[in-house]
Full PDB file with SEQRES, HELIX, SHEET, SSBOND, CRYST1, ORIGX, SCALE, CONECT and MASTER records, all heavy atoms in Angstrom:
SEQRES   1 A   34  ALA THR ALA ALA LEU LEU SER GLY LEU PRO VAL VAL MET          
SEQRES   2 A   34  LEU GLU MET THR PRO GLU ALA ALA GLU ASP ALA LYS GLY          
SEQRES   3 A   34  ARG ILE SER GLY ASN LEU GLN GLY                              
HELIX    1 AA1 THR A    2  LEU A    6  1                                   5    
HELIX    2 AA2 PRO A   18  GLN A   33  1                                  16    
CRYST1    1.000    1.000    1.000  90.00  90.00  90.00 P 1           1          
ORIGX1      1.000000  0.000000  0.000000        0.00000                         
ORIGX2      0.000000  1.000000  0.000000        0.00000                         
ORIGX3      0.000000  0.000000  1.000000        0.00000                         
SCALE1      1.000000  0.000000  0.000000        0.00000                         
SCALE2      0.000000  1.000000  0.000000        0.00000                         
SCALE3      0.000000  0.000000  1.000000        0.00000                         
ATOM      1  N   ALA A   1       0.833  -1.208   0.000  1.00  0.00           N  
ATOM      2  CA  ALA A   1       0.000   0.000   0.000  1.00  0.00           C  
ATOM      3  C   ALA A   1       0.867   1.257   0.000  1.00  0.00           C  
ATOM      4  O   ALA A   1       0.570   2.234  -0.700  1.00  0.00           O  
ATOM      5  CB  ALA A   1      -0.920  -0.014   1.222  1.00  0.00           C  
ATOM      6  N   THR A   2       1.950   1.238   0.769  1.00  0.00           N  
ATOM      7  CA  THR A   2       2.858   2.397   0.816  1.00  0.00           C  
ATOM      8  C   THR A   2       3.464   2.674  -0.554  1.00  0.00           C  
ATOM      9  O   THR A   2       3.498   3.818  -1.021  1.00  0.00           O  
ATOM     10  CB  THR A   2       3.993   2.140   1.829  1.00  0.00           C  
ATOM     11  OG1 THR A   2       3.423   1.870   3.117  1.00  0.00           O  
ATOM     12  CG2 THR A   2       4.920   3.346   1.927  1.00  0.00           C  
ATOM     13  N   ALA A   3       3.950   1.612  -1.210  1.00  0.00           N  
ATOM     14  CA  ALA A   3       4.553   1.774  -2.535  1.00  0.00           C  
ATOM     15  C   ALA A   3       3.533   2.328  -3.526  1.00  0.00           C  
ATOM     16  O   ALA A   3       3.855   3.200  -4.351  1.00  0.00           O  
ATOM     17  CB  ALA A   3       5.114   0.440  -3.021  1.00  0.00           C  
ATOM     18  N   ALA A   4       2.302   1.824  -3.463  1.00  0.00           N  
ATOM     19  CA  ALA A   4       1.261   2.293  -4.378  1.00  0.00           C  
ATOM     20  C   ALA A   4       0.933   3.759  -4.130  1.00  0.00           C  
ATOM     21  O   ALA A   4       0.795   4.550  -5.069  1.00  0.00           O  
ATOM     22  CB  ALA A   4       0.008   1.431  -4.218  1.00  0.00           C  
ATOM     23  N   LEU A   5       0.823   4.135  -2.870  1.00  0.00           N  
ATOM     24  CA  LEU A   5       0.522   5.534  -2.539  1.00  0.00           C  
ATOM     25  C   LEU A   5       1.624   6.461  -3.030  1.00  0.00           C  
ATOM     26  O   LEU A   5       1.357   7.519  -3.602  1.00  0.00           O  
ATOM     27  CB  LEU A   5       0.341   5.681  -1.023  1.00  0.00           C  
ATOM     28  CG  LEU A   5      -0.933   5.065  -0.438  1.00  0.00           C  
ATOM     29  CD1 LEU A   5      -0.831   4.968   1.089  1.00  0.00           C  
ATOM     30  CD2 LEU A   5      -2.172   5.873  -0.832  1.00  0.00           C  
ATOM     31  N   LEU A   6       2.868   6.069  -2.824  1.00  0.00           N  
ATOM     32  CA  LEU A   6       3.990   6.896  -3.267  1.00  0.00           C  
ATOM     33  C   LEU A   6       4.065   6.973  -4.796  1.00  0.00           C  
ATOM     34  O   LEU A   6       4.650   7.893  -5.345  1.00  0.00           O  
ATOM     35  CB  LEU A   6       5.309   6.343  -2.712  1.00  0.00           C  
ATOM     36  CG  LEU A   6       5.527   6.551  -1.217  1.00  0.00           C  
ATOM     37  CD1 LEU A   6       6.753   5.776  -0.738  1.00  0.00           C  
ATOM     38  CD2 LEU A   6       5.670   8.032  -0.880  1.00  0.00           C  
ATOM     39  N   SER A   7       3.449   5.987  -5.466  1.00  0.00           N  
ATOM     40  CA  SER A   7       3.419   5.995  -6.922  1.00  0.00           C  
ATOM     41  C   SER A   7       2.232   6.784  -7.468  1.00  0.00           C  
ATOM     42  O   SER A   7       2.052   6.862  -8.685  1.00  0.00           O  
ATOM     43  CB  SER A   7       3.360   4.561  -7.463  1.00  0.00           C  
ATOM     44  OG  SER A   7       4.513   3.845  -7.086  1.00  0.00           O  
ATOM     45  N   GLY A   8       1.413   7.312  -6.577  1.00  0.00           N  
ATOM     46  CA  GLY A   8       0.295   8.140  -7.020  1.00  0.00           C  
ATOM     47  C   GLY A   8      -1.028   7.421  -7.147  1.00  0.00           C  
ATOM     48  O   GLY A   8      -1.996   7.986  -7.677  1.00  0.00           O  
ATOM     49  N   LEU A   9      -1.106   6.178  -6.658  1.00  0.00           N  
ATOM     50  CA  LEU A   9      -2.359   5.424  -6.744  1.00  0.00           C  
ATOM     51  C   LEU A   9      -3.149   5.533  -5.437  1.00  0.00           C  
ATOM     52  O   LEU A   9      -2.595   5.278  -4.364  1.00  0.00           O  
ATOM     53  CB  LEU A   9      -2.085   3.942  -7.020  1.00  0.00           C  
ATOM     54  CG  LEU A   9      -1.512   3.577  -8.378  1.00  0.00           C  
ATOM     55  CD1 LEU A   9      -1.164   2.095  -8.405  1.00  0.00           C  
ATOM     56  CD2 LEU A   9      -2.506   3.901  -9.484  1.00  0.00           C  
ATOM     57  N   PRO A  10      -4.433   5.873  -5.499  1.00  0.00           N  
ATOM     58  CA  PRO A  10      -5.255   5.786  -4.297  1.00  0.00           C  
ATOM     59  C   PRO A  10      -5.421   4.317  -3.907  1.00  0.00           C  
ATOM     60  O   PRO A  10      -5.486   3.443  -4.785  1.00  0.00           O  
ATOM     61  CB  PRO A  10      -6.589   6.408  -4.711  1.00  0.00           C  
ATOM     62  CG  PRO A  10      -6.609   6.370  -6.201  1.00  0.00           C  
ATOM     63  CD  PRO A  10      -5.188   6.406  -6.653  1.00  0.00           C  
ATOM     64  N   VAL A  11      -5.479   4.046  -2.607  1.00  0.00           N  
ATOM     65  CA  VAL A  11      -5.501   2.668  -2.109  1.00  0.00           C  
ATOM     66  C   VAL A  11      -6.695   2.452  -1.178  1.00  0.00           C  
ATOM     67  O   VAL A  11      -6.955   3.276  -0.299  1.00  0.00           O  
ATOM     68  CB  VAL A  11      -4.197   2.333  -1.354  1.00  0.00           C  
ATOM     69  CG1 VAL A  11      -4.282   0.964  -0.684  1.00  0.00           C  
ATOM     70  CG2 VAL A  11      -3.008   2.374  -2.306  1.00  0.00           C  
ATOM     71  N   VAL A  12      -7.387   1.325  -1.401  1.00  0.00           N  
ATOM     72  CA  VAL A  12      -8.402   0.862  -0.452  1.00  0.00           C  
ATOM     73  C   VAL A  12      -7.785  -0.288   0.327  1.00  0.00           C  
ATOM     74  O   VAL A  12      -7.429  -1.316  -0.253  1.00  0.00           O  
ATOM     75  CB  VAL A  12      -9.684   0.395  -1.169  1.00  0.00           C  
ATOM     76  CG1 VAL A  12     -10.676  -0.167  -0.148  1.00  0.00           C  
ATOM     77  CG2 VAL A  12     -10.311   1.533  -1.958  1.00  0.00           C  
ATOM     78  N   MET A  13      -7.622  -0.117   1.633  1.00  0.00           N  
ATOM     79  CA  MET A  13      -7.044  -1.146   2.486  1.00  0.00           C  
ATOM     80  C   MET A  13      -8.183  -1.893   3.187  1.00  0.00           C  
ATOM     81  O   MET A  13      -8.935  -1.313   3.962  1.00  0.00           O  
ATOM     82  CB  MET A  13      -6.112  -0.508   3.525  1.00  0.00           C  
ATOM     83  CG  MET A  13      -5.630  -1.449   4.627  1.00  0.00           C  
ATOM     84  SD  MET A  13      -4.774  -2.930   4.051  1.00  0.00           S  
ATOM     85  CE  MET A  13      -3.256  -2.221   3.440  1.00  0.00           C  
ATOM     86  N   LEU A  14      -8.304  -3.187   2.902  1.00  0.00           N  
ATOM     87  CA  LEU A  14      -9.379  -3.996   3.470  1.00  0.00           C  
ATOM     88  C   LEU A  14      -8.832  -4.886   4.578  1.00  0.00           C  
ATOM     89  O   LEU A  14      -7.865  -5.620   4.369  1.00  0.00           O  
ATOM     90  CB  LEU A  14     -10.016  -4.864   2.379  1.00  0.00           C  
ATOM     91  CG  LEU A  14     -11.222  -5.681   2.803  1.00  0.00           C  
ATOM     92  CD1 LEU A  14     -12.437  -4.778   3.002  1.00  0.00           C  
ATOM     93  CD2 LEU A  14     -11.540  -6.762   1.777  1.00  0.00           C  
ATOM     94  N   GLU A  15      -9.474  -4.812   5.737  1.00  0.00           N  
ATOM     95  CA  GLU A  15      -9.106  -5.667   6.864  1.00  0.00           C  
ATOM     96  C   GLU A  15     -10.361  -6.306   7.453  1.00  0.00           C  
ATOM     97  O   GLU A  15     -11.483  -5.966   7.087  1.00  0.00           O  
ATOM     98  CB  GLU A  15      -8.352  -4.862   7.930  1.00  0.00           C  
ATOM     99  CG  GLU A  15      -6.836  -5.004   7.860  1.00  0.00           C  
ATOM    100  CD  GLU A  15      -6.350  -6.392   8.254  1.00  0.00           C  
ATOM    101  OE1 GLU A  15      -7.195  -7.276   8.563  1.00  0.00           O  
ATOM    102  OE2 GLU A  15      -5.119  -6.617   8.240  1.00  0.00           O  
ATOM    103  N   MET A  16     -10.134  -7.224   8.392  1.00  0.00           N  
ATOM    104  CA  MET A  16     -11.248  -7.985   8.966  1.00  0.00           C  
ATOM    105  C   MET A  16     -12.104  -7.134   9.910  1.00  0.00           C  
ATOM    106  O   MET A  16     -13.318  -7.266   9.965  1.00  0.00           O  
ATOM    107  CB  MET A  16     -10.705  -9.206   9.745  1.00  0.00           C  
ATOM    108  CG  MET A  16      -9.971 -10.192   8.877  1.00  0.00           C  
ATOM    109  SD  MET A  16     -11.069 -11.299   8.002  1.00  0.00           S  
ATOM    110  CE  MET A  16     -11.714 -12.300   9.343  1.00  0.00           C  
ATOM    111  N   THR A  17     -11.438  -6.243  10.672  1.00  0.00           N  
ATOM    112  CA  THR A  17     -12.132  -5.433  11.679  1.00  0.00           C  
ATOM    113  C   THR A  17     -11.658  -3.996  11.597  1.00  0.00           C  
ATOM    114  O   THR A  17     -10.573  -3.720  11.064  1.00  0.00           O  
ATOM    115  CB  THR A  17     -11.835  -5.969  13.099  1.00  0.00           C  
ATOM    116  OG1 THR A  17     -10.434  -5.783  13.371  1.00  0.00           O  
ATOM    117  CG2 THR A  17     -12.201  -7.440  13.225  1.00  0.00           C  
ATOM    118  N   PRO A  18     -12.464  -3.053  12.132  1.00  0.00           N  
ATOM    119  CA  PRO A  18     -12.024  -1.660  12.155  1.00  0.00           C  
ATOM    120  C   PRO A  18     -10.708  -1.482  12.905  1.00  0.00           C  
ATOM    121  O   PRO A  18      -9.861  -0.678  12.504  1.00  0.00           O  
ATOM    122  CB  PRO A  18     -13.168  -0.933  12.865  1.00  0.00           C  
ATOM    123  CG  PRO A  18     -14.366  -1.793  12.611  1.00  0.00           C  
ATOM    124  CD  PRO A  18     -13.851  -3.204  12.614  1.00  0.00           C  
ATOM    125  N   GLU A  19     -10.507  -2.265  13.965  1.00  0.00           N  
ATOM    126  CA  GLU A  19      -9.270  -2.156  14.744  1.00  0.00           C  
ATOM    127  C   GLU A  19      -8.059  -2.593  13.917  1.00  0.00           C  
ATOM    128  O   GLU A  19      -6.998  -1.945  13.927  1.00  0.00           O  
ATOM    129  CB  GLU A  19      -9.366  -3.022  16.010  1.00  0.00           C  
ATOM    130  CG  GLU A  19     -10.386  -2.563  17.028  1.00  0.00           C  
ATOM    131  CD  GLU A  19     -11.813  -2.940  16.644  1.00  0.00           C  
ATOM    132  OE1 GLU A  19     -11.981  -3.819  15.761  1.00  0.00           O  
ATOM    133  OE2 GLU A  19     -12.747  -2.338  17.215  1.00  0.00           O  
ATOM    134  N   ALA A  20      -8.238  -3.697  13.173  1.00  0.00           N  
ATOM    135  CA  ALA A  20      -7.151  -4.187  12.330  1.00  0.00           C  
ATOM    136  C   ALA A  20      -6.843  -3.189  11.208  1.00  0.00           C  
ATOM    137  O   ALA A  20      -5.689  -2.988  10.826  1.00  0.00           O  
ATOM    138  CB  ALA A  20      -7.501  -5.549  11.737  1.00  0.00           C  
ATOM    139  N   ALA A  21      -7.904  -2.550  10.692  1.00  0.00           N  
ATOM    140  CA  ALA A  21      -7.716  -1.540   9.643  1.00  0.00           C  
ATOM    141  C   ALA A  21      -6.926  -0.353  10.165  1.00  0.00           C  
ATOM    142  O   ALA A  21      -6.048   0.180   9.475  1.00  0.00           O  
ATOM    143  CB  ALA A  21      -9.068  -1.092   9.098  1.00  0.00           C  
ATOM    144  N   GLU A  22      -7.222   0.079  11.397  1.00  0.00           N  
ATOM    145  CA  GLU A  22      -6.480   1.187  12.001  1.00  0.00           C  
ATOM    146  C   GLU A  22      -5.024   0.803  12.243  1.00  0.00           C  
ATOM    147  O   GLU A  22      -4.112   1.623  12.066  1.00  0.00           O  
ATOM    148  CB  GLU A  22      -7.138   1.624  13.319  1.00  0.00           C  
ATOM    149  CG  GLU A  22      -8.424   2.415  13.151  1.00  0.00           C  
ATOM    150  CD  GLU A  22      -8.194   3.752  12.457  1.00  0.00           C  
ATOM    151  OE1 GLU A  22      -7.073   4.316  12.545  1.00  0.00           O  
ATOM    152  OE2 GLU A  22      -9.129   4.236  11.805  1.00  0.00           O  
ATOM    153  N   ASP A  23      -4.821  -0.454  12.643  1.00  0.00           N  
ATOM    154  CA  ASP A  23      -3.436  -0.920  12.817  1.00  0.00           C  
ATOM    155  C   ASP A  23      -2.673  -0.874  11.493  1.00  0.00           C  
ATOM    156  O   ASP A  23      -1.498  -0.489  11.441  1.00  0.00           O  
ATOM    157  CB  ASP A  23      -3.423  -2.357  13.360  1.00  0.00           C  
ATOM    158  CG  ASP A  23      -3.846  -2.425  14.818  1.00  0.00           C  
ATOM    159  OD1 ASP A  23      -3.843  -1.367  15.488  1.00  0.00           O  
ATOM    160  OD2 ASP A  23      -4.187  -3.529  15.278  1.00  0.00           O  
ATOM    161  N   ALA A  24      -3.360  -1.262  10.412  1.00  0.00           N  
ATOM    162  CA  ALA A  24      -2.738  -1.222   9.081  1.00  0.00           C  
ATOM    163  C   ALA A  24      -2.389   0.213   8.707  1.00  0.00           C  
ATOM    164  O   ALA A  24      -1.307   0.483   8.170  1.00  0.00           O  
ATOM    165  CB  ALA A  24      -3.680  -1.834   8.045  1.00  0.00           C  
ATOM    166  N   LYS A  25      -3.306   1.130   9.006  1.00  0.00           N  
ATOM    167  CA  LYS A  25      -3.035   2.537   8.713  1.00  0.00           C  
ATOM    168  C   LYS A  25      -1.805   3.028   9.476  1.00  0.00           C  
ATOM    169  O   LYS A  25      -0.993   3.799   8.965  1.00  0.00           O  
ATOM    170  CB  LYS A  25      -4.242   3.396   9.056  1.00  0.00           C  
ATOM    171  CG  LYS A  25      -4.033   4.876   8.728  1.00  0.00           C  
ATOM    172  CD  LYS A  25      -5.255   5.712   9.030  1.00  0.00           C  
ATOM    173  CE  LYS A  25      -5.008   7.183   8.666  1.00  0.00           C  
ATOM    174  NZ  LYS A  25      -6.188   8.033   8.937  1.00  0.00           N  
ATOM    175  N   GLY A  26      -1.662   2.553  10.708  1.00  0.00           N  
ATOM    176  CA  GLY A  26      -0.500   2.929  11.506  1.00  0.00           C  
ATOM    177  C   GLY A  26       0.805   2.466  10.878  1.00  0.00           C  
ATOM    178  O   GLY A  26       1.794   3.196  10.867  1.00  0.00           O  
ATOM    179  N   ARG A  27       0.773   1.235  10.323  1.00  0.00           N  
ATOM    180  CA  ARG A  27       1.982   0.730   9.667  1.00  0.00           C  
ATOM    181  C   ARG A  27       2.306   1.547   8.412  1.00  0.00           C  
ATOM    182  O   ARG A  27       3.460   1.886   8.143  1.00  0.00           O  
ATOM    183  CB  ARG A  27       1.799  -0.747   9.283  1.00  0.00           C  
ATOM    184  CG  ARG A  27       1.654  -1.678  10.473  1.00  0.00           C  
ATOM    185  CD  ARG A  27       1.590  -3.139  10.056  1.00  0.00           C  
ATOM    186  NE  ARG A  27       1.182  -3.954  11.188  1.00  0.00           N  
ATOM    187  CZ  ARG A  27      -0.060  -4.345  11.423  1.00  0.00           C  
ATOM    188  NH1 ARG A  27      -1.034  -4.024  10.574  1.00  0.00           N  
ATOM    189  NH2 ARG A  27      -0.355  -5.054  12.484  1.00  0.00           N  
ATOM    190  N   ILE A  28       1.279   1.863   7.640  1.00  0.00           N  
ATOM    191  CA  ILE A  28       1.480   2.648   6.420  1.00  0.00           C  
ATOM    192  C   ILE A  28       1.998   4.042   6.782  1.00  0.00           C  
ATOM    193  O   ILE A  28       2.936   4.561   6.154  1.00  0.00           O  
ATOM    194  CB  ILE A  28       0.164   2.735   5.613  1.00  0.00           C  
ATOM    195  CG1 ILE A  28      -0.243   1.347   5.122  1.00  0.00           C  
ATOM    196  CG2 ILE A  28       0.308   3.699   4.438  1.00  0.00           C  
ATOM    197  CD1 ILE A  28      -1.655   1.261   4.596  1.00  0.00           C  
ATOM    198  N   SER A  29       1.404   4.635   7.810  1.00  0.00           N  
ATOM    199  CA  SER A  29       1.843   5.969   8.249  1.00  0.00           C  
ATOM    200  C   SER A  29       3.296   5.933   8.707  1.00  0.00           C  
ATOM    201  O   SER A  29       4.072   6.861   8.449  1.00  0.00           O  
ATOM    202  CB  SER A  29       0.946   6.480   9.380  1.00  0.00           C  
ATOM    203  OG  SER A  29      -0.376   6.660   8.923  1.00  0.00           O  
ATOM    204  N   GLY A  30       3.659   4.846   9.396  1.00  0.00           N  
ATOM    205  CA  GLY A  30       5.049   4.697   9.842  1.00  0.00           C  
ATOM    206  C   GLY A  30       6.007   4.629   8.669  1.00  0.00           C  
ATOM    207  O   GLY A  30       7.081   5.247   8.685  1.00  0.00           O  
ATOM    208  N   ASN A  31       5.599   3.883   7.625  1.00  0.00           N  
ATOM    209  CA  ASN A  31       6.436   3.804   6.424  1.00  0.00           C  
ATOM    210  C   ASN A  31       6.599   5.178   5.782  1.00  0.00           C  
ATOM    211  O   ASN A  31       7.699   5.591   5.397  1.00  0.00           O  
ATOM    212  CB  ASN A  31       5.817   2.850   5.407  1.00  0.00           C  
ATOM    213  CG  ASN A  31       5.830   1.398   5.873  1.00  0.00           C  
ATOM    214  OD1 ASN A  31       6.609   1.033   6.756  1.00  0.00           O  
ATOM    215  ND2 ASN A  31       4.972   0.582   5.289  1.00  0.00           N  
ATOM    216  N   LEU A  32       5.478   5.896   5.662  1.00  0.00           N  
ATOM    217  CA  LEU A  32       5.499   7.204   5.015  1.00  0.00           C  
ATOM    218  C   LEU A  32       6.233   8.236   5.865  1.00  0.00           C  
ATOM    219  O   LEU A  32       6.795   9.196   5.343  1.00  0.00           O  
ATOM    220  CB  LEU A  32       4.074   7.671   4.727  1.00  0.00           C  
ATOM    221  CG  LEU A  32       3.326   6.855   3.667  1.00  0.00           C  
ATOM    222  CD1 LEU A  32       1.857   7.249   3.624  1.00  0.00           C  
ATOM    223  CD2 LEU A  32       3.967   7.051   2.294  1.00  0.00           C  
ATOM    224  N   GLN A  33       6.206   8.018   7.189  1.00  0.00           N  
ATOM    225  CA  GLN A  33       6.926   8.926   8.079  1.00  0.00           C  
ATOM    226  C   GLN A  33       8.421   8.892   7.772  1.00  0.00           C  
ATOM    227  O   GLN A  33       9.112   9.913   7.829  1.00  0.00           O  
ATOM    228  CB  GLN A  33       6.684   8.512   9.545  1.00  0.00           C  
ATOM    229  CG  GLN A  33       7.119   9.549  10.562  1.00  0.00           C  
ATOM    230  CD  GLN A  33       6.145  10.707  10.653  1.00  0.00           C  
ATOM    231  OE1 GLN A  33       4.953  10.496  10.666  1.00  0.00           O  
ATOM    232  NE2 GLN A  33       6.650  11.920  10.705  1.00  0.00           N  
ATOM    233  N   GLY A  34       8.909   7.686   7.419  1.00  0.00           N  
ATOM    234  CA  GLY A  34      10.312   7.567   7.043  1.00  0.00           C  
ATOM    235  C   GLY A  34      10.621   8.376   5.793  1.00  0.00           C  
ATOM    236  O   GLY A  34      11.647   9.048   5.712  1.00  0.00           O  
TER     237      GLY A  34                                                      
MASTER        0    0    0    2    0    0    0    6  236    1    0    3          
END                                                                             
């Protein structure tokens, strides 16, 4: 998802639960923070 976002593609991240989705967002944000 990070690579796609940096390439200019909008991304839909699908997870099992809202909590898991937020955790995924945290990982993506951490990558982008770098």
